[in-house]
C-alpha atoms as a PDB file:
ATOM      1  CA  THR A   1      45.368  24.768 -20.004  1.00  0.00           C
ATOM      2  CA  MET A   2      43.741  21.767 -21.677  1.00  0.00           C
ATOM      3  CA  THR A   3      47.103  20.233 -22.410  1.00  0.00           C
ATOM      4  CA  PHE A   4      48.225  20.817 -18.828  1.00  0.00           C
ATOM      5  CA  LEU A   5      45.059  19.116 -17.512  1.00  0.00           C
ATOM      6  CA  LEU A   6      45.538  16.128 -19.810  1.00  0.00           C
ATOM      7  CA  LEU A   7      49.190  15.758 -18.791  1.00  0.00           C
ATOM      8  CA  SER A   8      48.225  15.944 -15.093  1.00  0.00           C
ATOM      9  CA  ILE A   9      45.697  13.167 -15.572  1.00  0.00           C
ATOM     10  CA  LEU A  10      48.169  10.992 -17.472  1.00  0.00           C
ATOM     11  CA  ARG A  11      50.844  11.482 -14.762  1.00  0.00           C
ATOM     12  CA  ARG A  12      48.385  10.348 -12.118  1.00  0.00           C
ATOM     13  CA  ALA A  13      46.832   7.561 -14.193  1.00  0.00           C
ATOM     14  CA  ARG A  14      48.052   4.850 -11.826  1.00  0.00           C
ATOM     15  CA  VAL A  15      46.567   6.592  -8.803  1.00  0.00           C
ATOM     16  CA  ILE A  16      43.287   7.204 -10.619  1.00  0.00           C
ATOM     17  CA  LEU A  17      43.084   3.575 -11.761  1.00  0.00           C
ATOM     18  CA  ALA A  18      44.001   2.295  -8.282  1.00  0.00           C
ATOM     19  CA  VAL A  19      41.320   4.415  -6.589  1.00  0.00           C
ATOM     20  CA  THR A  20      38.731   3.356  -9.177  1.00  0.00           C
ATOM     21  CA  ALA A  21      39.633  -0.332  -8.794  1.00  0.00           C
ATOM     22  CA  ALA A  22      39.574  -0.063  -4.975  1.00  0.00           C
ATOM     23  CA  GLY A  23      36.136   1.571  -5.085  1.00  0.00           C
ATOM     24  CA  MET A  24      34.851  -1.136  -7.386  1.00  0.00           C
ATOM     25  CA  LEU A  25      36.249  -3.913  -5.170  1.00  0.00           C
ATOM     26  CA  ILE A  26      34.744  -2.363  -2.043  1.00  0.00           C
ATOM     27  CA  SER A  27      31.336  -2.011  -3.688  1.00  0.00           C
ATOM     28  CA  VAL A  28      31.450  -5.627  -4.919  1.00  0.00           C
ATOM     29  CA  ALA A  29      32.433  -6.853  -1.433  1.00  0.00           C
ATOM     30  CA  VAL A  30      29.648  -4.854   0.238  1.00  0.00           C
ATOM     31  CA  SER A  31      27.052  -6.068  -2.263  1.00  0.00           C
ATOM     32  CA  MET A  32      28.140  -9.671  -1.637  1.00  0.00           C
ATOM     33  CA  LEU A  33      27.886  -9.241   2.139  1.00  0.00           C
ATOM     34  CA  LEU A  34      24.456  -7.603   2.168  1.00  0.00           C
ATOM     35  CA  PRO A  35      21.564 -10.062   2.104  1.00  0.00           C
ATOM     36  CA  PRO A  36      19.327  -9.892  -0.963  1.00  0.00           C
ATOM     37  CA  ARG A  37      16.050  -8.002  -0.713  1.00  0.00           C
ATOM     38  CA  TYR A  38      12.998  -8.913  -2.755  1.00  0.00           C
ATOM     39  CA  VAL A  39      10.004  -6.670  -3.243  1.00  0.00           C
ATOM     40  CA  ALA A  40       6.663  -8.072  -4.339  1.00  0.00           C
ATOM     41  CA  SER A  41       4.174  -5.438  -5.496  1.00  0.00           C
ATOM     42  CA  THR A  42       0.620  -5.498  -6.678  1.00  0.00           C
ATOM     43  CA  MET A  43      -1.729  -2.818  -7.943  1.00  0.00           C
ATOM     44  CA  PHE A  44      -5.484  -2.914  -7.643  1.00  0.00           C
ATOM     45  CA  ALA A  45      -8.469  -0.624  -7.939  1.00  0.00           C
ATOM     46  CA  PRO A  46     -10.947  -1.165  -5.097  1.00  0.00           C
ATOM     47  CA  THR A  47     -14.508  -2.020  -6.068  1.00  0.00           C
ATOM     48  CA  GLY A  48     -16.459   1.079  -6.973  1.00  0.00           C
ATOM     49  CA  VAL A  49     -13.449   3.155  -8.033  1.00  0.00           C
ATOM     50  CA  GLU A  50     -14.329   2.779 -11.710  1.00  0.00           C
ATOM     51  CA  LYS A  51     -17.802   4.149 -10.866  1.00  0.00           C
ATOM     52  CA  ASP A  52     -16.246   6.984  -8.874  1.00  0.00           C
ATOM     53  CA  LEU A  53     -13.964   7.817 -11.794  1.00  0.00           C
ATOM     54  CA  THR A  54     -16.915   8.419 -14.095  1.00  0.00           C
ATOM     55  CA  ASN A  55     -19.600   9.722 -11.723  1.00  0.00           C
ATOM     56  CA  LEU A  56     -17.451  12.058  -9.642  1.00  0.00           C
ATOM     57  CA  LYS A  57     -15.697  13.497 -12.661  1.00  0.00           C
ATOM     58  CA  GLU A  58     -18.980  14.217 -14.446  1.00  0.00           C
ATOM     59  CA  PHE A  59     -20.646  15.612 -11.325  1.00  0.00           C
ATOM     60  CA  PHE A  60     -17.800  18.018 -10.503  1.00  0.00           C
ATOM     61  CA  ALA A  61     -16.877  18.886 -14.131  1.00  0.00           C
ATOM     62  CA  PRO A  62     -18.833  22.180 -14.142  1.00  0.00           C
ATOM     63  CA  MET A  63     -16.631  23.406 -11.278  1.00  0.00           C
ATOM     64  CA  GLY A  64     -13.491  23.234 -13.438  1.00  0.00           C
ATOM     65  CA  SER A  65     -10.147  22.373 -11.906  1.00  0.00           C
ATOM     66  CA  PHE A  66     -11.524  22.782  -8.376  1.00  0.00           C
ATOM     67  CA  GLY A  67     -14.175  20.156  -9.104  1.00  0.00           C
ATOM     68  CA  GLU A  68     -11.611  17.766 -10.552  1.00  0.00           C
ATOM     69  CA  SER A  69      -9.352  18.266  -7.532  1.00  0.00           C
ATOM     70  CA  PHE A  70     -12.252  17.718  -5.143  1.00  0.00           C
ATOM     71  CA  ALA A  71     -13.302  14.522  -6.960  1.00  0.00           C
ATOM     72  CA  THR A  72      -9.715  13.261  -6.701  1.00  0.00           C
ATOM     73  CA  TYR A  73      -9.676  14.135  -2.994  1.00  0.00           C
ATOM     74  CA  LEU A  74     -12.902  12.187  -2.355  1.00  0.00           C
ATOM     75  CA  ARG A  75     -11.638   9.165  -4.273  1.00  0.00           C
ATOM     76  CA  ALA A  76      -8.284   9.172  -2.444  1.00  0.00           C
ATOM     77  CA  ARG A  77     -10.007   9.623   0.920  1.00  0.00           C
ATOM     78  CA  LYS A  78     -12.060   6.509   0.264  1.00  0.00           C
ATOM     79  CA  ASN A  79      -8.873   4.555  -0.441  1.00  0.00           C
ATOM     80  CA  TYR A  80      -7.237   5.692   2.796  1.00  0.00           C
ATOM     81  CA  LEU A  81      -9.602   3.260   4.495  1.00  0.00           C
ATOM     82  CA  ILE A  82      -7.797   0.488   2.626  1.00  0.00           C
ATOM     83  CA  ASP A  83      -4.440   1.848   3.790  1.00  0.00           C
ATOM     84  CA  TYR A  84      -5.754   1.856   7.358  1.00  0.00           C
ATOM     85  CA  ILE A  85      -7.000  -1.733   7.066  1.00  0.00           C
ATOM     86  CA  ILE A  86      -3.662  -2.927   5.645  1.00  0.00           C
ATOM     87  CA  ARG A  87      -1.769  -1.284   8.509  1.00  0.00           C
ATOM     88  CA  SER A  88      -4.264  -2.346  11.200  1.00  0.00           C
ATOM     89  CA  ARG A  89      -3.542  -4.597  14.161  1.00  0.00           C
ATOM     90  CA  ARG A  90      -6.111  -7.085  12.872  1.00  0.00           C
ATOM     91  CA  MET A  91      -4.334  -7.408   9.519  1.00  0.00           C
ATOM     92  CA  SER A  92      -0.959  -7.746  11.263  1.00  0.00           C
ATOM     93  CA  ASP A  93      -2.355 -10.517  13.451  1.00  0.00           C
ATOM     94  CA  LEU A  94      -3.751 -12.344  10.410  1.00  0.00           C
ATOM     95  CA  ILE A  95      -0.422 -12.112   8.561  1.00  0.00           C
ATOM     96  CA  ASP A  96       1.427 -13.195  11.737  1.00  0.00           C
ATOM     97  CA  ALA A  97      -0.853 -16.204  12.150  1.00  0.00           C
ATOM     98  CA  ARG A  98      -0.049 -17.355   8.628  1.00  0.00           C
ATOM     99  CA  PHE A  99       3.699 -16.621   8.518  1.00  0.00           C
ATOM    100  CA  ASP A 100       4.856 -16.772  12.169  1.00  0.00           C
ATOM    101  CA  LEU A 101       6.428 -13.313  12.125  1.00  0.00           C
ATOM    102  CA  LEU A 102       8.003 -13.746  15.571  1.00  0.00           C
ATOM    103  CA  ARG A 103      10.198 -16.488  14.112  1.00  0.00           C
ATOM    104  CA  VAL A 104      10.735 -14.746  10.765  1.00  0.00           C
ATOM    105  CA  TYR A 105      11.935 -11.497  12.364  1.00  0.00           C
ATOM    106  CA  GLY A 106      13.654 -13.171  15.311  1.00  0.00           C
ATOM    107  CA  VAL A 107      11.764 -11.240  17.998  1.00  0.00           C
ATOM    108  CA  THR A 108       9.842 -12.302  21.093  1.00  0.00           C
ATOM    109  CA  ASP A 109       7.436  -9.374  21.379  1.00  0.00           C
ATOM    110  CA  PRO A 110       4.378  -9.488  19.054  1.00  0.00           C
ATOM    111  CA  GLU A 111       4.299  -5.682  18.988  1.00  0.00           C
ATOM    112  CA  GLU A 112       7.869  -5.612  17.657  1.00  0.00           C
ATOM    113  CA  ALA A 113       6.883  -8.142  14.973  1.00  0.00           C
ATOM    114  CA  ARG A 114       3.987  -5.829  13.965  1.00  0.00           C
ATOM    115  CA  ARG A 115       6.342  -2.851  13.742  1.00  0.00           C
ATOM    116  CA  GLU A 116       8.769  -4.874  11.636  1.00  0.00           C
ATOM    117  CA  LEU A 117       5.926  -5.963   9.350  1.00  0.00           C
ATOM    118  CA  GLY A 118       4.958  -2.296   8.995  1.00  0.00           C
ATOM    119  CA  ARG A 119       8.528  -1.368   8.025  1.00  0.00           C
ATOM    120  CA  HIS A 120       8.479  -3.973   5.258  1.00  0.00           C
ATOM    121  CA  THR A 121       5.029  -2.999   3.929  1.00  0.00           C
ATOM    122  CA  ALA A 122       4.392  -0.010   1.674  1.00  0.00           C
ATOM    123  CA  VAL A 123       1.046   1.326   0.493  1.00  0.00           C
ATOM    124  CA  VAL A 124       0.782   4.039  -2.158  1.00  0.00           C
ATOM    125  CA  ILE A 125      -2.554   5.489  -3.183  1.00  0.00           C
ATOM    126  CA  ARG A 126      -2.487   7.043  -6.631  1.00  0.00           C
ATOM    127  CA  ASP A 127      -4.735   9.875  -7.745  1.00  0.00           C
ATOM    128  CA  GLU A 128      -6.664   7.684 -10.170  1.00  0.00           C
ATOM    129  CA  GLY A 129      -7.799   5.449  -7.304  1.00  0.00           C
ATOM    130  CA  VAL A 130      -5.282   2.654  -7.789  1.00  0.00           C
ATOM    131  CA  VAL A 131      -3.705   1.227  -4.637  1.00  0.00           C
ATOM    132  CA  VAL A 132      -0.135  -0.078  -4.877  1.00  0.00           C
ATOM    133  CA  LEU A 133       0.799  -2.590  -2.167  1.00  0.00           C
ATOM    134  CA  SER A 134       4.430  -3.703  -1.785  1.00  0.00           C
ATOM    135  CA  PHE A 135       6.148  -6.034   0.644  1.00  0.00           C
ATOM    136  CA  GLU A 136       9.926  -6.409   1.046  1.00  0.00           C
ATOM    137  CA  ASP A 137      11.583  -9.535   2.408  1.00  0.00           C
ATOM    138  CA  ARG A 138      14.841 -11.492   2.252  1.00  0.00           C
ATOM    139  CA  ASP A 139      12.960 -14.528   0.921  1.00  0.00           C
ATOM    140  CA  ARG A 140      11.535 -14.104  -2.580  1.00  0.00           C
ATOM    141  CA  GLU A 141       8.760 -16.675  -2.148  1.00  0.00           C
ATOM    142  CA  ARG A 142       7.681 -15.263   1.214  1.00  0.00           C
ATOM    143  CA  ALA A 143       7.522 -11.735  -0.244  1.00  0.00           C
ATOM    144  CA  ILE A 144       5.140 -12.976  -2.930  1.00  0.00           C
ATOM    145  CA  ALA A 145       3.117 -15.053  -0.450  1.00  0.00           C
ATOM    146  CA  VAL A 146       2.731 -12.198   2.063  1.00  0.00           C
ATOM    147  CA  THR A 147       1.574  -9.832  -0.686  1.00  0.00           C
ATOM    148  CA  GLY A 148      -0.988 -12.416  -1.813  1.00  0.00           C
ATOM    149  CA  GLU A 149      -2.124 -12.953   1.779  1.00  0.00           C
ATOM    150  CA  TYR A 150      -2.584  -9.206   2.228  1.00  0.00           C
ATOM    151  CA  LEU A 151      -4.892  -9.201  -0.808  1.00  0.00           C
ATOM    152  CA  ALA A 152      -6.839 -12.255   0.351  1.00  0.00           C
ATOM    153  CA  GLN A 153      -7.331 -10.887   3.866  1.00  0.00           C
ATOM    154  CA  LEU A 154      -8.182  -7.413   2.544  1.00  0.00           C
ATOM    155  CA  ASP A 155     -10.822  -8.943   0.298  1.00  0.00           C
ATOM    156  CA  THR A 156     -12.316 -10.842   3.259  1.00  0.00           C
ATOM    157  CA  ILE A 157     -12.293  -7.794   5.549  1.00  0.00           C
ATOM    158  CA  LEU A 158     -13.864  -5.522   2.920  1.00  0.00           C
ATOM    159  CA  LEU A 159     -16.521  -8.130   2.194  1.00  0.00           C
ATOM    160  CA  ASP A 160     -17.282  -8.364   5.932  1.00  0.00           C
ATOM    161  CA  LEU A 161     -17.594  -4.564   6.090  1.00  0.00           C
ATOM    162  CA  ILE A 162     -19.958  -4.514   3.103  1.00  0.00           C
ATOM    163  CA  VAL A 163     -22.113  -7.299   4.584  1.00  0.00           C
ATOM    164  CA  GLU A 164     -22.271  -5.543   7.971  1.00  0.00           C
ATOM    165  CA  SER A 165     -23.162  -2.230   6.323  1.00  0.00           C
ATOM    166  CA  SER A 166     -25.886  -3.974   4.290  1.00  0.00           C
ATOM    167  CA  ARG A 167     -27.316  -5.531   7.459  1.00  0.00           C
ATOM    168  CA  ASP A 168     -27.451  -2.107   9.099  1.00  0.00           C
ATOM    169  CA  GLN A 169     -29.261  -0.691   6.063  1.00  0.00           C
ATOM    170  CA  ILE A 170     -31.731  -3.596   6.058  1.00  0.00           C
ATOM    171  CA  ARG A 171     -32.460  -3.099   9.779  1.00  0.00           C
ATOM    172  CA  PHE A 172     -32.989   0.609   9.193  1.00  0.00           C
ATOM    173  CA  LEU A 173     -35.306   0.031   6.230  1.00  0.00           C
ATOM    174  CA  GLU A 174     -37.293  -2.630   8.106  1.00  0.00           C
ATOM    175  CA  ALA A 175     -37.756  -0.194  11.000  1.00  0.00           C
ATOM    176  CA  GLU A 176     -38.903   2.484   8.545  1.00  0.00           C
ATOM    177  CA  VAL A 177     -41.420   0.100   6.950  1.00  0.00           C
ATOM    178  CA  VAL A 178     -42.872  -0.637  10.396  1.00  0.00           C
ATOM    179  CA  HIS A 179     -43.181   3.087  11.202  1.00  0.00           C
ATOM    180  CA  GLN A 180     -44.409   4.133   7.757  1.00  0.00           C
ATOM    181  CA  PRO A 181     -48.039   2.850   8.113  1.00  0.00           C
ATOM    182  CA  ALA A 182     -48.331   4.687  11.426  1.00  0.00           C
ATOM    183  CA  HIS A 183     -47.225   7.947   9.765  1.00  0.00           C
ATOM    184  CA  VAL A 184     -49.611   7.416   6.844  1.00  0.00           C
ATOM    185  CA  ALA A 185     -52.534   6.724   9.214  1.00  0.00           C
ATOM    186  CA  VAL A 186     -51.831   9.900  11.172  1.00  0.00           C
ATOM    187  CA  GLY A 187     -51.670  11.901   7.937  1.00  0.00           C
ATOM    188  CA  ASP A 188     -55.099  10.642   6.738  1.00  0.00           C
END
């Protein structure tokens, strides 16, 4: 049977070589016709993740694997905010303002440009709290520039959120300081 199989292959060697060569030529032609795609990726750990990695793990350690899973869940949930910000309308508008996405994607509707931007953007949140941001484009330099712009705008937006949250906390504490003497006087 082995000899018969080998003889069958040798008899059809021309056909096998022709099919292989045709497949190779077709794949080369298709790869030459398709435009190149470049993917720029960056990984970052949002501020506070290193603290979460130590504090959450230690706090939930007595609970065993459930505690470790819950700590991972809390850390990932925090990073979903970053995913939401990256995919937000505000971020899309900021990226569009810098790169003129209507022209880049050849569309007239800003909403279609946002959808196209979303198709080219990928966000992966790893268990350890690292966020992986990738952007795919036909232009290598633009892929790198858009990824960098995402990071710059994300940094600005997160800083704005932190400042606004701090202002709210200051207002709350100032209101508590005003009410505290009244509570102390009533208690005396």
